[in-house]
């Protein structure tokens, strides 16, 4: 008669498997509770941070830390005791000090160099500036000033400008009378090329009494005699060099001329005052 299998052992194995599933389920629940707890703590922490931030706690703490750091550097002797500057002639000392600000006695370490340089370069006469720390107690300013090139007239106001067209300051009618007058809306923004070209030719620079913007396209140079030099829209450098060469060779601008027309790059024509024919003449060998 065949032997019967042990059913008890089978039941025992079954009970063991059931117990294992129970523990796995219990661990899953514990894990879920833990995850829920972490999520809850995260929400609470985030809420606390938001509350502190909205209440200005972090900003206040940062300000106090910054104040403490500044106080520490000042106590260590790293504080602003003097301000030095070089490279200025037209710019006043008061203007420079005003741009730097009331910093004497403040921390040299915490002084904002970039902001100070921007304020100094905003001064009309200043073309460029460098602001540096000289340890342990000095702020040093080095300037490059603008060079006056012309006077811009608009709506009755006169403004001194440099060769780039940058406005230096407003002036009175009697100031800088040796500089040419620029007339026309938007003229400073377009004057850089013609001013640079004329300044490179000493024979022409002193003869320009005014530069007139024509149709926002090109320039006329008016002489002291009232004659007009008509420059082209393009190639202003070459036109000015040609005019300088003709002045050197023929004394063209010393003649009683009414105008000189340089708009055609292949030929130069001019007209003399008192010419009853009214005809324009072409100057041979001009190009």
C-alpha atoms as a PDB file:
ATOM      1  CA  UNK A   1       0.000   0.000   0.000  1.00  0.00           C
ATOM      2  CA  UNK A   2       1.570   3.310  -1.074  1.00  0.00           C
ATOM      3  CA  UNK A   3       2.696   5.794   1.495  1.00  0.00           C
ATOM      4  CA  UNK A   4       0.633   8.943   2.027  1.00  0.00           C
ATOM      5  CA  UNK A   5       2.372  12.356   1.614  1.00  0.00           C
ATOM      6  CA  UNK A   6       2.750  14.489   4.667  1.00  0.00           C
ATOM      7  CA  UNK A   7      -0.106  16.931   4.541  1.00  0.00           C
ATOM      8  CA  UNK A   8       1.032  18.670   7.697  1.00  0.00           C
ATOM      9  CA  UNK A   9       4.294  19.656   6.055  1.00  0.00           C
ATOM     10  CA  UNK A  10       2.322  21.036   3.147  1.00  0.00           C
ATOM     11  CA  UNK A  11       0.114  23.064   5.467  1.00  0.00           C
ATOM     12  CA  UNK A  12       3.177  24.268   7.296  1.00  0.00           C
ATOM     13  CA  UNK A  13       4.709  25.508   4.071  1.00  0.00           C
ATOM     14  CA  UNK A  14       1.416  27.190   3.244  1.00  0.00           C
ATOM     15  CA  UNK A  15       1.325  28.990   6.585  1.00  0.00           C
ATOM     16  CA  UNK A  16       4.924  30.145   6.095  1.00  0.00           C
ATOM     17  CA  UNK A  17       4.074  31.646   2.691  1.00  0.00           C
ATOM     18  CA  UNK A  18       1.030  33.404   4.122  1.00  0.00           C
ATOM     19  CA  UNK A  19       3.151  34.868   6.925  1.00  0.00           C
ATOM     20  CA  UNK A  20       5.702  36.180   4.396  1.00  0.00           C
ATOM     21  CA  UNK A  21       2.976  37.943   2.411  1.00  0.00           C
ATOM     22  CA  UNK A  22       1.690  39.544   5.574  1.00  0.00           C
ATOM     23  CA  UNK A  23       5.111  40.971   6.395  1.00  0.00           C
ATOM     24  CA  UNK A  24       5.564  42.266   2.834  1.00  0.00           C
ATOM     25  CA  UNK A  25       2.217  44.046   3.016  1.00  0.00           C
ATOM     26  CA  UNK A  26       3.152  45.445   6.400  1.00  0.00           C
ATOM     27  CA  UNK A  27       6.453  46.754   5.012  1.00  0.00           C
ATOM     28  CA  UNK A  28       4.660  48.328   2.036  1.00  0.00           C
ATOM     29  CA  UNK A  29       2.309  50.149   4.373  1.00  0.00           C
ATOM     30  CA  UNK A  30       5.217  51.330   6.502  1.00  0.00           C
ATOM     31  CA  UNK A  31       6.986  52.552   3.371  1.00  0.00           C
ATOM     32  CA  UNK A  32       3.872  54.402   2.289  1.00  0.00           C
ATOM     33  CA  UNK A  33       3.551  55.971   5.710  1.00  0.00           C
ATOM     34  CA  UNK A  34       7.232  57.012   5.585  1.00  0.00           C
ATOM     35  CA  UNK A  35       6.856  58.504   2.110  1.00  0.00           C
ATOM     36  CA  UNK A  36       3.772  60.356   3.226  1.00  0.00           C
ATOM     37  CA  UNK A  37       5.667  61.618   6.252  1.00  0.00           C
ATOM     38  CA  UNK A  38       8.573  62.876   4.115  1.00  0.00           C
ATOM     39  CA  UNK A  39       6.174  64.581   1.728  1.00  0.00           C
ATOM     40  CA  UNK A  40       4.386  66.177   4.630  1.00  0.00           C
ATOM     41  CA  UNK A  41       7.627  67.411   6.135  1.00  0.00           C
ATOM     42  CA  UNK A  42       8.649  68.798   2.744  1.00  0.00           C
ATOM     43  CA  UNK A  43       5.397  70.703   2.460  1.00  0.00           C
ATOM     44  CA  UNK A  44       5.763  72.019   5.997  1.00  0.00           C
ATOM     45  CA  UNK A  45       9.382  73.044   5.365  1.00  0.00           C
ATOM     46  CA  UNK A  46       8.466  74.766   2.115  1.00  0.00           C
ATOM     47  CA  UNK A  47       5.672  76.599   3.851  1.00  0.00           C
ATOM     48  CA  UNK A  48       8.017  77.668   6.621  1.00  0.00           C
ATOM     49  CA  UNK A  49      10.581  78.956   4.101  1.00  0.00           C
ATOM     50  CA  UNK A  50       7.865  80.860   2.229  1.00  0.00           C
ATOM     51  CA  UNK A  51       6.635  82.365   5.485  1.00  0.00           C
ATOM     52  CA  UNK A  52      10.120  83.466   6.495  1.00  0.00           C
ATOM     53  CA  UNK A  53      10.819  84.856   3.036  1.00  0.00           C
ATOM     54  CA  UNK A  54       7.549  86.798   2.868  1.00  0.00           C
ATOM     55  CA  UNK A  55       8.267  88.179   6.302  1.00  0.00           C
ATOM     56  CA  UNK A  56      11.636  89.506   5.107  1.00  0.00           C
ATOM     57  CA  UNK A  57      13.617  87.329   7.507  1.00  0.00           C
ATOM     58  CA  UNK A  58      16.199  86.224   4.917  1.00  0.00           C
ATOM     59  CA  UNK A  59      16.616  89.745   3.551  1.00  0.00           C
ATOM     60  CA  UNK A  60      17.068  91.085   7.059  1.00  0.00           C
ATOM     61  CA  UNK A  61      19.534  88.337   7.909  1.00  0.00           C
ATOM     62  CA  UNK A  62      21.481  89.063   4.701  1.00  0.00           C
ATOM     63  CA  UNK A  63      21.580  92.766   5.468  1.00  0.00           C
ATOM     64  CA  UNK A  64      22.792  92.096   8.985  1.00  0.00           C
ATOM     65  CA  UNK A  65      25.472  89.746   7.693  1.00  0.00           C
ATOM     66  CA  UNK A  66      26.573  92.352   5.151  1.00  0.00           C
ATOM     67  CA  UNK A  67      26.654  95.054   7.815  1.00  0.00           C
ATOM     68  CA  UNK A  68      28.691  92.797  10.062  1.00  0.00           C
ATOM     69  CA  UNK A  69      31.163  92.075   7.218  1.00  0.00           C
ATOM     70  CA  UNK A  70      31.533  95.752   6.424  1.00  0.00           C
ATOM     71  CA  UNK A  71      32.082  96.561  10.071  1.00  0.00           C
ATOM     72  CA  UNK A  72      34.729  93.870  10.295  1.00  0.00           C
ATOM     73  CA  UNK A  73      36.674  95.201   7.271  1.00  0.00           C
ATOM     74  CA  UNK A  74      36.468  98.749   8.614  1.00  0.00           C
ATOM     75  CA  UNK A  75      37.740  97.569  11.999  1.00  0.00           C
ATOM     76  CA  UNK A  76      40.609  95.857  10.182  1.00  0.00           C
ATOM     77  CA  UNK A  77      41.623  99.208   8.649  1.00  0.00           C
ATOM     78  CA  UNK A  78      40.299  98.516   5.124  1.00  0.00           C
ATOM     79  CA  UNK A  79      38.201 101.625   4.803  1.00  0.00           C
ATOM     80  CA  UNK A  80      38.095 104.530   2.347  1.00  0.00           C
ATOM     81  CA  UNK A  81      40.146 107.436   3.647  1.00  0.00           C
ATOM     82  CA  UNK A  82      40.916 109.313   0.431  1.00  0.00           C
ATOM     83  CA  UNK A  83      39.992 109.570  -3.263  1.00  0.00           C
ATOM     84  CA  UNK A  84      42.586 110.383  -5.916  1.00  0.00           C
ATOM     85  CA  UNK A  85      42.145 111.145  -9.626  1.00  0.00           C
ATOM     86  CA  UNK A  86      44.264 111.826 -12.719  1.00  0.00           C
ATOM     87  CA  UNK A  87      43.580 112.752 -16.339  1.00  0.00           C
ATOM     88  CA  UNK A  88      41.020 115.485 -15.734  1.00  0.00           C
ATOM     89  CA  UNK A  89      41.227 119.067 -16.929  1.00  0.00           C
ATOM     90  CA  UNK A  90      37.697 120.098 -17.869  1.00  0.00           C
ATOM     91  CA  UNK A  91      35.906 117.833 -15.409  1.00  0.00           C
ATOM     92  CA  UNK A  92      35.624 119.424 -11.976  1.00  0.00           C
ATOM     93  CA  UNK A  93      36.759 117.719  -8.793  1.00  0.00           C
ATOM     94  CA  UNK A  94      33.312 118.226  -7.310  1.00  0.00           C
ATOM     95  CA  UNK A  95      31.742 116.376 -10.253  1.00  0.00           C
ATOM     96  CA  UNK A  96      34.119 113.441  -9.783  1.00  0.00           C
ATOM     97  CA  UNK A  97      33.526 113.277  -6.038  1.00  0.00           C
ATOM     98  CA  UNK A  98      29.784 113.506  -6.610  1.00  0.00           C
ATOM     99  CA  UNK A  99      29.909 110.576  -9.026  1.00  0.00           C
ATOM    100  CA  UNK A 100      31.956 108.455  -6.599  1.00  0.00           C
ATOM    101  CA  UNK A 101      29.581 109.266  -3.743  1.00  0.00           C
ATOM    102  CA  UNK A 102      29.983 109.865   0.016  1.00  0.00           C
ATOM    103  CA  UNK A 103      32.170 106.827   0.660  1.00  0.00           C
ATOM    104  CA  UNK A 104      34.893 108.171   2.960  1.00  0.00           C
ATOM    105  CA  UNK A 105      34.818 106.017   6.087  1.00  0.00           C
ATOM    106  CA  UNK A 106      33.027 103.151   4.328  1.00  0.00           C
ATOM    107  CA  UNK A 107      34.426  99.681   3.677  1.00  0.00           C
ATOM    108  CA  UNK A 108      36.941  99.640   0.819  1.00  0.00           C
ATOM    109  CA  UNK A 109      36.253  95.946   0.219  1.00  0.00           C
ATOM    110  CA  UNK A 110      32.531  96.497  -0.367  1.00  0.00           C
ATOM    111  CA  UNK A 111      32.903  99.534  -2.619  1.00  0.00           C
ATOM    112  CA  UNK A 112      31.167  98.873  -5.982  1.00  0.00           C
ATOM    113  CA  UNK A 113      33.761  99.686  -8.645  1.00  0.00           C
ATOM    114  CA  UNK A 114      31.528  98.978 -11.657  1.00  0.00           C
ATOM    115  CA  UNK A 115      28.693 101.248 -10.544  1.00  0.00           C
ATOM    116  CA  UNK A 116      31.137 104.016  -9.686  1.00  0.00           C
ATOM    117  CA  UNK A 117      32.775 103.801 -13.117  1.00  0.00           C
ATOM    118  CA  UNK A 118      29.370 103.996 -14.831  1.00  0.00           C
ATOM    119  CA  UNK A 119      28.530 107.144 -12.856  1.00  0.00           C
ATOM    120  CA  UNK A 120      31.861 108.768 -13.689  1.00  0.00           C
ATOM    121  CA  UNK A 121      31.513 107.933 -17.399  1.00  0.00           C
ATOM    122  CA  UNK A 122      28.069 109.558 -17.376  1.00  0.00           C
ATOM    123  CA  UNK A 123      29.768 112.934 -16.809  1.00  0.00           C
ATOM    124  CA  UNK A 124      29.702 114.968 -20.012  1.00  0.00           C
ATOM    125  CA  UNK A 125      33.440 115.549 -20.388  1.00  0.00           C
ATOM    126  CA  UNK A 126      34.422 111.968 -19.602  1.00  0.00           C
ATOM    127  CA  UNK A 127      35.099 109.700 -22.565  1.00  0.00           C
ATOM    128  CA  UNK A 128      36.208 106.704 -20.491  1.00  0.00           C
ATOM    129  CA  UNK A 129      37.160 106.011 -16.890  1.00  0.00           C
ATOM    130  CA  UNK A 130      38.781 103.410 -14.668  1.00  0.00           C
ATOM    131  CA  UNK A 131      38.009 103.168 -10.945  1.00  0.00           C
ATOM    132  CA  UNK A 132      40.264 100.988  -8.808  1.00  0.00           C
ATOM    133  CA  UNK A 133      41.091 100.214  -5.170  1.00  0.00           C
ATOM    134  CA  UNK A 134      44.522 101.102  -3.847  1.00  0.00           C
ATOM    135  CA  UNK A 135      44.952  99.123  -0.658  1.00  0.00           C
ATOM    136  CA  UNK A 136      44.473  99.727   2.144  1.00  0.00           C
ATOM    137  CA  UNK A 137      42.513 103.001   2.059  1.00  0.00           C
ATOM    138  CA  UNK A 138      42.258 104.674  -1.378  1.00  0.00           C
ATOM    139  CA  UNK A 139      39.901 104.815  -4.347  1.00  0.00           C
ATOM    140  CA  UNK A 140      41.686 105.941  -7.507  1.00  0.00           C
ATOM    141  CA  UNK A 141      39.979 107.384 -10.618  1.00  0.00           C
ATOM    142  CA  UNK A 142      41.705 107.611 -14.004  1.00  0.00           C
ATOM    143  CA  UNK A 143      39.963 109.638 -16.744  1.00  0.00           C
ATOM    144  CA  UNK A 144      40.163 110.199 -20.480  1.00  0.00           C
ATOM    145  CA  UNK A 145      38.282 113.327 -21.466  1.00  0.00           C
ATOM    146  CA  UNK A 146      36.486 114.156 -24.691  1.00  0.00           C
ATOM    147  CA  UNK A 147      37.978 116.591 -27.171  1.00  0.00           C
ATOM    148  CA  UNK A 148      35.555 119.254 -28.446  1.00  0.00           C
ATOM    149  CA  UNK A 149      35.029 119.019 -32.201  1.00  0.00           C
ATOM    150  CA  UNK A 150      31.951 121.085 -33.068  1.00  0.00           C
ATOM    151  CA  UNK A 151      28.888 122.904 -31.785  1.00  0.00           C
ATOM    152  CA  UNK A 152      25.456 121.467 -32.479  1.00  0.00           C
ATOM    153  CA  UNK A 153      22.623 123.929 -32.843  1.00  0.00           C
ATOM    154  CA  UNK A 154      19.045 122.771 -32.429  1.00  0.00           C
ATOM    155  CA  UNK A 155      15.980 124.838 -31.498  1.00  0.00           C
ATOM    156  CA  UNK A 156      18.149 127.731 -30.373  1.00  0.00           C
ATOM    157  CA  UNK A 157      20.237 125.633 -27.961  1.00  0.00           C
ATOM    158  CA  UNK A 158      23.968 125.166 -28.478  1.00  0.00           C
ATOM    159  CA  UNK A 159      25.666 121.943 -27.379  1.00  0.00           C
ATOM    160  CA  UNK A 160      29.359 121.156 -27.464  1.00  0.00           C
ATOM    161  CA  UNK A 161      30.033 117.736 -29.065  1.00  0.00           C
ATOM    162  CA  UNK A 162      33.111 115.599 -29.681  1.00  0.00           C
ATOM    163  CA  UNK A 163      34.144 113.924 -32.931  1.00  0.00           C
ATOM    164  CA  UNK A 164      31.871 110.943 -32.248  1.00  0.00           C
ATOM    165  CA  UNK A 165      28.842 113.211 -31.911  1.00  0.00           C
ATOM    166  CA  UNK A 166      28.539 112.740 -28.148  1.00  0.00           C
ATOM    167  CA  UNK A 167      27.149 115.777 -26.335  1.00  0.00           C
ATOM    168  CA  UNK A 168      29.584 117.196 -23.795  1.00  0.00           C
ATOM    169  CA  UNK A 169      27.529 120.074 -22.381  1.00  0.00           C
ATOM    170  CA  UNK A 170      25.350 123.012 -23.305  1.00  0.00           C
ATOM    171  CA  UNK A 171      27.308 126.196 -23.996  1.00  0.00           C
ATOM    172  CA  UNK A 172      26.736 129.917 -24.526  1.00  0.00           C
ATOM    173  CA  UNK A 173      27.045 131.601 -27.909  1.00  0.00           C
ATOM    174  CA  UNK A 174      30.450 133.152 -27.140  1.00  0.00           C
ATOM    175  CA  UNK A 175      32.115 129.859 -26.165  1.00  0.00           C
ATOM    176  CA  UNK A 176      34.213 127.783 -28.584  1.00  0.00           C
ATOM    177  CA  UNK A 177      33.641 130.195 -31.458  1.00  0.00           C
ATOM    178  CA  UNK A 178      36.600 128.623 -33.284  1.00  0.00           C
ATOM    179  CA  UNK A 179      34.718 125.347 -33.793  1.00  0.00           C
ATOM    180  CA  UNK A 180      32.376 124.639 -36.716  1.00  0.00           C
ATOM    181  CA  UNK A 181      28.652 124.806 -36.186  1.00  0.00           C
ATOM    182  CA  UNK A 182      26.580 121.726 -36.973  1.00  0.00           C
ATOM    183  CA  UNK A 183      23.022 122.403 -38.033  1.00  0.00           C
ATOM    184  CA  UNK A 184      20.172 119.964 -38.453  1.00  0.00           C
ATOM    185  CA  UNK A 185      18.087 117.417 -36.591  1.00  0.00           C
ATOM    186  CA  UNK A 186      19.998 114.236 -35.791  1.00  0.00           C
ATOM    187  CA  UNK A 187      23.222 115.828 -37.013  1.00  0.00           C
ATOM    188  CA  UNK A 188      25.472 114.699 -34.096  1.00  0.00           C
ATOM    189  CA  UNK A 189      24.689 111.036 -34.768  1.00  0.00           C
ATOM    190  CA  UNK A 190      25.824 111.412 -38.395  1.00  0.00           C
ATOM    191  CA  UNK A 191      28.655 113.918 -37.967  1.00  0.00           C
ATOM    192  CA  UNK A 192      31.383 111.549 -36.789  1.00  0.00           C
ATOM    193  CA  UNK A 193      32.671 110.645 -40.280  1.00  0.00           C
ATOM    194  CA  UNK A 194      32.829 114.170 -41.675  1.00  0.00           C
ATOM    195  CA  UNK A 195      34.354 115.594 -38.484  1.00  0.00           C
ATOM    196  CA  UNK A 196      37.028 112.921 -38.393  1.00  0.00           C
ATOM    197  CA  UNK A 197      37.865 113.444 -42.082  1.00  0.00           C
ATOM    198  CA  UNK A 198      38.093 117.228 -41.738  1.00  0.00           C
ATOM    199  CA  UNK A 199      40.200 117.129 -38.582  1.00  0.00           C
ATOM    200  CA  UNK A 200      42.730 115.001 -40.463  1.00  0.00           C
ATOM    201  CA  UNK A 201      43.234 117.847 -42.993  1.00  0.00           C
ATOM    202  CA  UNK A 202      44.638 121.009 -41.341  1.00  0.00           C
ATOM    203  CA  UNK A 203      44.197 122.996 -44.566  1.00  0.00           C
ATOM    204  CA  UNK A 204      40.430 122.502 -44.331  1.00  0.00           C
ATOM    205  CA  UNK A 205      39.651 122.325 -40.620  1.00  0.00           C
ATOM    206  CA  UNK A 206      40.089 126.017 -39.884  1.00  0.00           C
ATOM    207  CA  UNK A 207      37.986 127.038 -42.877  1.00  0.00           C
ATOM    208  CA  UNK A 208      34.756 125.301 -41.873  1.00  0.00           C
ATOM    209  CA  UNK A 209      32.362 127.695 -40.164  1.00  0.00           C
ATOM    210  CA  UNK A 210      29.383 125.327 -40.319  1.00  0.00           C
ATOM    211  CA  UNK A 211      28.398 121.813 -41.363  1.00  0.00           C
ATOM    212  CA  UNK A 212      24.844 121.611 -42.633  1.00  0.00           C
ATOM    213  CA  UNK A 213      22.972 118.317 -42.865  1.00  0.00           C
ATOM    214  CA  UNK A 214      21.108 118.192 -46.182  1.00  0.00           C
ATOM    215  CA  UNK A 215      18.020 115.989 -46.408  1.00  0.00           C
ATOM    216  CA  UNK A 216      19.438 113.729 -43.677  1.00  0.00           C
ATOM    217  CA  UNK A 217      21.581 112.210 -46.436  1.00  0.00           C
ATOM    218  CA  UNK A 218      24.764 114.226 -46.876  1.00  0.00           C
ATOM    219  CA  UNK A 219      26.747 117.284 -45.731  1.00  0.00           C
ATOM    220  CA  UNK A 220      27.532 120.789 -46.955  1.00  0.00           C
ATOM    221  CA  UNK A 221      30.517 122.564 -45.455  1.00  0.00           C
ATOM    222  CA  UNK A 222      29.987 126.321 -45.263  1.00  0.00           C
ATOM    223  CA  UNK A 223      33.060 128.543 -45.341  1.00  0.00           C
ATOM    224  CA  UNK A 224      33.521 131.872 -43.599  1.00  0.00           C
ATOM    225  CA  UNK A 225      33.013 133.516 -46.987  1.00  0.00           C
ATOM    226  CA  UNK A 226      29.545 131.951 -47.291  1.00  0.00           C
ATOM    227  CA  UNK A 227      30.590 129.471 -49.998  1.00  0.00           C
ATOM    228  CA  UNK A 228      29.265 125.924 -49.775  1.00  0.00           C
ATOM    229  CA  UNK A 229      31.260 122.739 -50.322  1.00  0.00           C
ATOM    230  CA  UNK A 230      28.851 119.999 -51.374  1.00  0.00           C
ATOM    231  CA  UNK A 231      30.014 116.585 -50.189  1.00  0.00           C
ATOM    232  CA  UNK A 232      28.648 113.282 -51.567  1.00  0.00           C
ATOM    233  CA  UNK A 233      26.443 110.842 -49.660  1.00  0.00           C
ATOM    234  CA  UNK A 234      29.128 108.138 -49.852  1.00  0.00           C
ATOM    235  CA  UNK A 235      32.914 108.342 -49.839  1.00  0.00           C
ATOM    236  CA  UNK A 236      33.217 111.386 -47.584  1.00  0.00           C
ATOM    237  CA  UNK A 237      36.837 110.551 -46.664  1.00  0.00           C
ATOM    238  CA  UNK A 238      37.996 110.523 -50.279  1.00  0.00           C
ATOM    239  CA  UNK A 239      36.062 113.705 -51.087  1.00  0.00           C
ATOM    240  CA  UNK A 240      37.719 115.559 -48.206  1.00  0.00           C
ATOM    241  CA  UNK A 241      41.173 114.327 -49.235  1.00  0.00           C
ATOM    242  CA  UNK A 242      40.522 115.518 -52.803  1.00  0.00           C
ATOM    243  CA  UNK A 243      39.438 118.939 -51.582  1.00  0.00           C
ATOM    244  CA  UNK A 244      42.539 119.222 -49.387  1.00  0.00           C
ATOM    245  CA  UNK A 245      44.777 118.328 -52.321  1.00  0.00           C
ATOM    246  CA  UNK A 246      43.108 120.954 -54.531  1.00  0.00           C
ATOM    247  CA  UNK A 247      43.433 123.570 -51.828  1.00  0.00           C
ATOM    248  CA  UNK A 248      47.120 122.791 -51.511  1.00  0.00           C
ATOM    249  CA  UNK A 249      47.717 122.814 -55.272  1.00  0.00           C
ATOM    250  CA  UNK A 250      45.407 125.623 -56.455  1.00  0.00           C
ATOM    251  CA  UNK A 251      44.245 127.500 -53.363  1.00  0.00           C
ATOM    252  CA  UNK A 252      40.713 126.681 -54.501  1.00  0.00           C
ATOM    253  CA  UNK A 253      38.977 127.776 -51.326  1.00  0.00           C
ATOM    254  CA  UNK A 254      40.800 131.123 -51.364  1.00  0.00           C
ATOM    255  CA  UNK A 255      39.128 132.072 -54.621  1.00  0.00           C
ATOM    256  CA  UNK A 256      35.857 134.043 -54.648  1.00  0.00           C
ATOM    257  CA  UNK A 257      33.817 130.892 -55.116  1.00  0.00           C
ATOM    258  CA  UNK A 258      30.099 130.451 -54.622  1.00  0.00           C
ATOM    259  CA  UNK A 259      30.220 126.684 -54.286  1.00  0.00           C
ATOM    260  CA  UNK A 260      32.319 123.587 -54.972  1.00  0.00           C
ATOM    261  CA  UNK A 261      30.436 120.432 -55.930  1.00  0.00           C
ATOM    262  CA  UNK A 262      32.093 117.123 -55.024  1.00  0.00           C
ATOM    263  CA  UNK A 263      29.012 114.940 -55.356  1.00  0.00           C
ATOM    264  CA  UNK A 264      30.126 113.356 -58.632  1.00  0.00           C
ATOM    265  CA  UNK A 265      33.172 111.180 -57.933  1.00  0.00           C
ATOM    266  CA  UNK A 266      34.357 111.488 -61.558  1.00  0.00           C
ATOM    267  CA  UNK A 267      34.399 115.278 -61.850  1.00  0.00           C
ATOM    268  CA  UNK A 268      34.604 118.399 -59.692  1.00  0.00           C
ATOM    269  CA  UNK A 269      32.757 121.568 -60.598  1.00  0.00           C
ATOM    270  CA  UNK A 270      32.733 124.991 -58.989  1.00  0.00           C
ATOM    271  CA  UNK A 271      31.243 128.401 -59.572  1.00  0.00           C
ATOM    272  CA  UNK A 272      32.822 131.753 -58.864  1.00  0.00           C
ATOM    273  CA  UNK A 273      30.971 134.748 -57.515  1.00  0.00           C
ATOM    274  CA  UNK A 274      30.280 137.540 -59.960  1.00  0.00           C
ATOM    275  CA  UNK A 275      30.385 135.212 -62.942  1.00  0.00           C
ATOM    276  CA  UNK A 276      27.750 136.767 -65.208  1.00  0.00           C
ATOM    277  CA  UNK A 277      27.383 133.594 -67.253  1.00  0.00           C
ATOM    278  CA  UNK A 278      26.265 131.661 -64.187  1.00  0.00           C
ATOM    279  CA  UNK A 279      28.049 128.626 -65.550  1.00  0.00           C
ATOM    280  CA  UNK A 280      29.762 126.056 -63.361  1.00  0.00           C
ATOM    281  CA  UNK A 281      33.334 125.253 -64.251  1.00  0.00           C
ATOM    282  CA  UNK A 282      35.017 121.892 -64.151  1.00  0.00           C
ATOM    283  CA  UNK A 283      38.403 121.851 -62.569  1.00  0.00           C
ATOM    284  CA  UNK A 284      40.877 119.910 -64.673  1.00  0.00           C
ATOM    285  CA  UNK A 285      42.922 117.264 -62.920  1.00  0.00           C
ATOM    286  CA  UNK A 286      40.675 117.296 -59.903  1.00  0.00           C
ATOM    287  CA  UNK A 287      40.424 113.523 -59.702  1.00  0.00           C
END
